[in-house]
C-alpha cells in the first residue's frame, strides 16, 4: 500500500559541489565554520524512521548553495532582506558569502538544484494524495541551542522541540498529538517558537485541505556537540524517541478523516 506521509529533509547536507565552491568568498576554514552553524546535522538519520509509511525527500546539497525552504521569489521571502533568500549572499553573521547573482546565474542555480527538488516533493505529495486521498508532510529540521545572529527570535530560552504549524494545513488535533507525545517522553515543547510554519508545495498551499503539514525542529544540544558537529552518546536515544513520535503521528493521521 502506498504511504500516506512524506518526510521533507531540506537542510541535512554539507555537500558543496566543486563547480559552486568558487563563487563562495569564504576560506575553507570559514566555510566549515558556516556549515557547522547552518547544517541541520544528521536529520537524515534522526528521521530515518522504521515504518514504511513515509517517503523521504532529501535535498542533496548544502543550503549554502540554494535553500529549498525559501520562496523562489525574493519579494515573497522575508529572509531575503538579510541576504538569506533562496540563494544566500550573506552568512549567518552577516558577512559576505557571495556576490549578488545576475539573472542568468540565478536561473541556472534554481534549475540545477531548487526546481528539481520541488518537482520531486510535489510529485511525491501528488502521488500520495492520488493513492490515499490525503497526505501528511512532516518537515524535518534541527536548530542551534543558542540563536544565530540572523534569526528572528533571539531568546536564549529554547525548548527541546519546536513544532511549526500552518493555519490552513495543520489541524489542531495534529499539533496536540505530537506535542503530547514529546511531552510524555520528557521533552520541553514550544509551538511556533523559535521557528514557525510548515512547508506545503506551492500548487497545493492554502488550497487542498486533504494535505496536512507539520514541522518538527529538534534542538541540537540533545544529540550533537555543536562545536565539532559530532554526535553525542545520546544520539541513539533521541533517534528512537523521534522514531516513536513520528510513527505514532502517522498512525494517528491515518485514522483521521480530513474531509
Protein backbone atom coordinates (compact mmCIF):
# COMPACT_ATOMS: atom_id res chain seq x y z
CA UNK A 1 0.00 0.00 0.00
CA UNK A 2 1.25 3.49 -0.86
CA UNK A 3 2.50 5.51 2.14
CA UNK A 4 0.40 8.40 3.45
CA UNK A 5 3.29 10.60 4.55
CA UNK A 6 6.26 12.46 3.10
CA UNK A 7 9.31 13.36 5.20
CA UNK A 8 10.87 16.55 3.87
CA UNK A 9 14.53 16.87 4.92
CA UNK A 10 15.92 20.08 3.38
CA UNK A 11 19.00 21.06 5.38
CA UNK A 12 20.95 17.91 6.30
CA UNK A 13 23.54 18.00 3.52
CA UNK A 14 27.03 19.52 3.82
CA UNK A 15 27.84 18.92 0.15
CA UNK A 16 29.29 21.88 -1.74
CA UNK A 17 29.56 20.96 -5.45
CA UNK A 18 33.06 21.84 -6.73
CA UNK A 19 31.62 23.93 -9.55
CA UNK A 20 29.83 26.12 -6.97
CA UNK A 21 32.71 26.42 -4.49
CA UNK A 22 34.49 29.12 -6.48
CA UNK A 23 31.56 31.52 -6.08
CA UNK A 24 31.78 31.43 -2.26
CA UNK A 25 34.05 34.11 -0.78
CA UNK A 26 34.86 32.17 2.40
CA UNK A 27 38.15 30.47 3.14
CA UNK A 28 37.99 26.70 3.61
CA UNK A 29 38.09 27.16 7.38
CA UNK A 30 35.39 29.85 7.37
CA UNK A 31 33.24 27.68 5.11
CA UNK A 32 33.50 24.75 7.52
CA UNK A 33 32.51 27.06 10.38
CA UNK A 34 29.45 28.26 8.45
CA UNK A 35 28.48 24.71 7.56
CA UNK A 36 28.78 23.78 11.23
CA UNK A 37 26.36 26.56 12.13
CA UNK A 38 23.84 26.24 9.33
CA UNK A 39 23.52 22.50 8.69
CA UNK A 40 20.68 20.53 10.29
CA UNK A 41 23.18 17.87 11.27
CA UNK A 42 22.10 14.23 10.87
CA UNK A 43 18.43 14.99 10.38
CA UNK A 44 18.50 12.49 7.52
CA UNK A 45 19.49 9.90 10.15
CA UNK A 46 17.30 11.17 13.01
CA UNK A 47 14.23 10.95 10.77
CA UNK A 48 15.19 7.67 9.11
CA UNK A 49 12.19 6.06 10.75
CA UNK A 50 11.45 2.35 10.93
CA UNK A 51 7.96 2.48 9.43
CA UNK A 52 7.50 2.15 5.67
CA UNK A 53 4.52 4.52 5.88
CA UNK A 54 6.61 7.55 4.88
CA UNK A 55 8.67 8.58 1.86
CA UNK A 56 11.79 10.73 2.49
CA UNK A 57 12.62 13.64 0.18
CA UNK A 58 16.15 14.86 0.99
CA UNK A 59 17.79 17.94 -0.54
CA UNK A 60 21.17 16.72 -1.87
CA UNK A 61 23.36 19.82 -1.40
CA UNK A 62 24.03 22.33 1.34
CA UNK A 63 21.58 25.14 1.93
CA UNK A 64 24.56 27.50 1.43
CA UNK A 65 24.22 26.72 -2.27
CA UNK A 66 20.42 27.02 -2.52
CA UNK A 67 17.86 26.89 0.28
CA UNK A 68 14.84 24.82 -0.78
CA UNK A 69 12.76 26.12 2.16
CA UNK A 70 12.78 29.69 0.88
CA UNK A 71 10.36 31.17 -1.60
CA UNK A 72 11.90 31.30 -5.07
CA UNK A 73 10.83 34.93 -5.41
CA UNK A 74 12.86 37.10 -3.02
CA UNK A 75 9.99 39.60 -2.95
CA UNK A 76 7.97 36.98 -1.05
CA UNK A 77 10.81 35.87 1.22
CA UNK A 78 11.33 37.76 4.48
CA UNK A 79 14.85 36.35 4.96
CA UNK A 80 15.95 37.89 1.65
CA UNK A 81 16.24 41.22 3.47
CA UNK A 82 19.12 39.64 5.44
CA UNK A 83 20.84 38.28 2.35
CA UNK A 84 19.46 34.80 3.08
CA UNK A 85 16.78 34.34 0.47
CA UNK A 86 16.68 31.30 -1.79
CA UNK A 87 20.36 31.90 -2.70
CA UNK A 88 22.31 33.32 0.22
CA UNK A 89 24.60 36.30 -0.27
CA UNK A 90 25.35 36.68 3.46
CA UNK A 91 26.47 34.30 6.18
CA UNK A 92 24.68 33.71 9.48
CA UNK A 93 26.83 36.52 10.97
CA UNK A 94 26.07 38.94 8.15
CA UNK A 95 29.43 38.57 6.40
CA UNK A 96 29.71 38.34 2.62
CA UNK A 97 29.12 34.82 1.33
CA UNK A 98 28.91 35.50 -2.40
CA UNK A 99 28.28 38.47 -4.64
CA UNK A 100 24.69 39.10 -5.78
CA UNK A 101 23.96 36.97 -8.82
CA UNK A 102 22.88 38.20 -12.21
CA UNK A 103 19.61 36.76 -13.52
CA UNK A 104 21.32 34.22 -15.77
CA UNK A 105 23.38 32.71 -12.95
CA UNK A 106 20.44 32.78 -10.54
CA UNK A 107 18.24 30.91 -13.03
CA UNK A 108 21.00 28.36 -13.62
CA UNK A 109 21.23 27.54 -9.93
CA UNK A 110 17.49 27.35 -9.47
CA UNK A 111 17.23 25.00 -12.45
CA UNK A 112 20.08 22.85 -11.16
CA UNK A 113 19.00 22.47 -7.53
CA UNK A 114 15.83 24.18 -6.36
CA UNK A 115 13.30 23.30 -9.03
CA UNK A 116 14.21 19.58 -9.37
CA UNK A 117 13.89 19.18 -5.60
CA UNK A 118 10.49 20.84 -5.51
CA UNK A 119 9.36 18.86 -8.53
CA UNK A 120 10.25 15.66 -6.65
CA UNK A 121 8.49 16.84 -3.48
CA UNK A 122 5.43 17.85 -5.45
CA UNK A 123 5.40 14.52 -7.27
CA UNK A 124 5.56 12.51 -4.04
CA UNK A 125 2.80 14.58 -2.42
CA UNK A 126 0.64 14.33 -5.56
CA UNK A 127 1.10 10.56 -5.79
CA UNK A 128 0.27 10.17 -2.11
CA UNK A 129 -2.85 12.29 -2.49
CA UNK A 130 -3.98 10.35 -5.55
CA UNK A 131 -3.32 6.94 -4.00
CA UNK A 132 -4.53 7.57 -0.46
CA UNK A 133 -6.87 10.54 -0.76
CA UNK A 134 -4.78 12.56 1.68
CA UNK A 135 -1.15 13.31 2.52
CA UNK A 136 0.86 14.31 5.57
CA UNK A 137 4.05 16.32 5.11
CA UNK A 138 6.49 16.27 8.02
CA UNK A 139 9.11 19.00 7.65
CA UNK A 140 12.23 17.72 9.46
CA UNK A 141 14.76 20.13 10.98
CA UNK A 142 17.15 20.80 13.83
CA UNK A 143 18.12 24.13 15.39
CA UNK A 144 21.04 25.53 17.41
CA UNK A 145 20.81 25.72 21.18
CA UNK A 146 21.75 29.41 21.02
CA UNK A 147 20.28 31.79 18.44
CA UNK A 148 22.40 32.84 15.50
CA UNK A 149 22.64 36.50 14.59
CA UNK A 150 20.32 36.25 11.58
CA UNK A 151 17.45 34.59 13.45
CA UNK A 152 14.27 36.50 14.25
CA UNK A 153 13.84 35.07 17.75
CA UNK A 154 16.87 35.90 19.89
CA UNK A 155 15.70 34.47 23.22
CA UNK A 156 18.27 32.06 24.68
CA UNK A 157 15.49 30.12 26.43
CA UNK A 158 14.98 27.48 23.76
CA UNK A 159 12.85 24.34 24.03
CA UNK A 160 14.00 20.80 23.25
CA UNK A 161 11.42 20.56 20.48
CA UNK A 162 9.82 23.26 18.36
CA UNK A 163 6.65 22.38 16.45
CA UNK A 164 5.83 24.54 13.43
CA UNK A 165 2.29 24.82 12.14
CA UNK A 166 0.31 26.37 9.31
CA UNK A 167 -3.18 27.83 9.98
CA UNK A 168 -4.65 26.12 6.92
CA UNK A 169 -2.75 22.82 6.76
CA UNK A 170 -2.15 21.91 10.42
CA UNK A 171 -5.29 20.72 12.24
CA UNK A 172 -5.34 21.31 15.99
CA UNK A 173 -5.55 17.58 16.71
CA UNK A 174 -2.31 17.03 14.77
CA UNK A 175 -0.48 19.67 16.78
CA UNK A 176 -1.82 18.36 20.08
CA UNK A 177 -0.98 14.76 19.21
CA UNK A 178 2.68 15.46 18.56
CA UNK A 179 3.02 17.97 21.41
CA UNK A 180 1.61 15.50 23.93
CA UNK A 181 3.80 12.67 22.68
CA UNK A 182 7.01 14.67 23.01
CA UNK A 183 5.97 15.97 26.45
CA UNK A 184 5.22 12.44 27.62
CA UNK A 185 8.75 11.47 26.61
CA UNK A 186 10.22 14.18 28.82
CA UNK A 187 10.98 16.86 26.24
CA UNK A 188 10.11 20.54 26.58
CA UNK A 189 7.98 21.71 23.65
CA UNK A 190 7.01 25.06 22.13
CA UNK A 191 4.64 25.72 19.25
CA UNK A 192 5.97 28.10 16.55
CA UNK A 193 8.86 29.26 18.75
CA UNK A 194 11.63 29.91 17.89
CA UNK A 195 10.60 28.85 14.36
CA UNK A 196 7.19 28.74 12.74
CA UNK A 197 5.40 27.42 9.71
CA UNK A 198 5.12 24.12 7.89
CA UNK A 199 6.02 23.59 4.23
CA UNK A 200 3.44 22.71 1.57
CA UNK A 201 4.12 22.61 -2.20
CA UNK A 202 3.03 25.93 -3.64
CA UNK A 203 0.40 24.49 -6.01
CA UNK A 204 -1.41 22.97 -3.01
CA UNK A 205 -0.77 25.73 -0.50
CA UNK A 206 -3.96 27.01 1.14
CA UNK A 207 -5.97 25.15 -1.49
CA UNK A 208 -6.07 21.46 -0.56
CA UNK A 209 -7.39 20.55 2.90
CA UNK A 210 -6.55 16.89 2.32
CA UNK A 211 -2.86 17.83 2.67
CA UNK A 212 -1.71 18.30 6.25
CA UNK A 213 1.72 19.59 7.20
CA UNK A 214 3.70 20.00 10.41
CA UNK A 215 7.30 20.93 11.16
CA UNK A 216 9.48 19.21 13.75
CA UNK A 217 12.58 21.12 14.91
CA UNK A 218 14.96 19.26 17.26
CA UNK A 219 17.33 21.24 19.49
CA UNK A 220 20.85 20.18 18.53
CA UNK A 221 22.01 20.17 22.14
CA UNK A 222 20.04 16.95 22.55
CA UNK A 223 22.20 14.92 20.19
CA UNK A 224 25.10 16.99 18.85
CA UNK A 225 28.35 18.51 20.00
CA UNK A 226 27.70 21.87 18.37
CA UNK A 227 31.37 22.86 18.48
CA UNK A 228 32.53 19.86 16.44
CA UNK A 229 29.49 18.52 14.59
CA UNK A 230 29.98 15.10 16.20
CA UNK A 231 27.11 13.03 17.52
CA UNK A 232 26.66 12.83 21.28
CA UNK A 233 26.23 9.48 23.02
CA UNK A 234 22.55 10.44 23.39
CA UNK A 235 22.02 10.33 19.62
CA UNK A 236 20.54 6.82 19.58
CA UNK A 237 18.04 7.59 22.33
CA UNK A 238 16.95 10.80 20.64
CA UNK A 239 16.57 8.99 17.32
CA UNK A 240 14.46 6.27 18.96
CA UNK A 241 12.24 8.92 20.52
CA UNK A 242 11.72 10.68 17.18
CA UNK A 243 11.01 7.34 15.53
CA UNK A 244 8.31 6.65 18.10
CA UNK A 245 6.74 10.09 17.86
CA UNK A 246 6.72 10.21 14.05
CA UNK A 247 5.40 6.66 13.69
CA UNK A 248 2.63 7.41 16.18
CA UNK A 249 1.81 10.68 14.42
CA UNK A 250 1.48 8.89 11.08
CA UNK A 251 -0.77 6.26 12.63
CA UNK A 252 -2.96 8.99 14.14
CA UNK A 253 -3.11 10.76 10.79
CA UNK A 254 -4.10 7.55 9.02
CA UNK A 255 -7.09 7.19 11.32
CA UNK A 256 -8.40 10.67 10.63
CA UNK A 257 -10.88 11.84 8.02
CA UNK A 258 -9.70 15.19 6.66
CA UNK A 259 -12.81 15.98 4.66
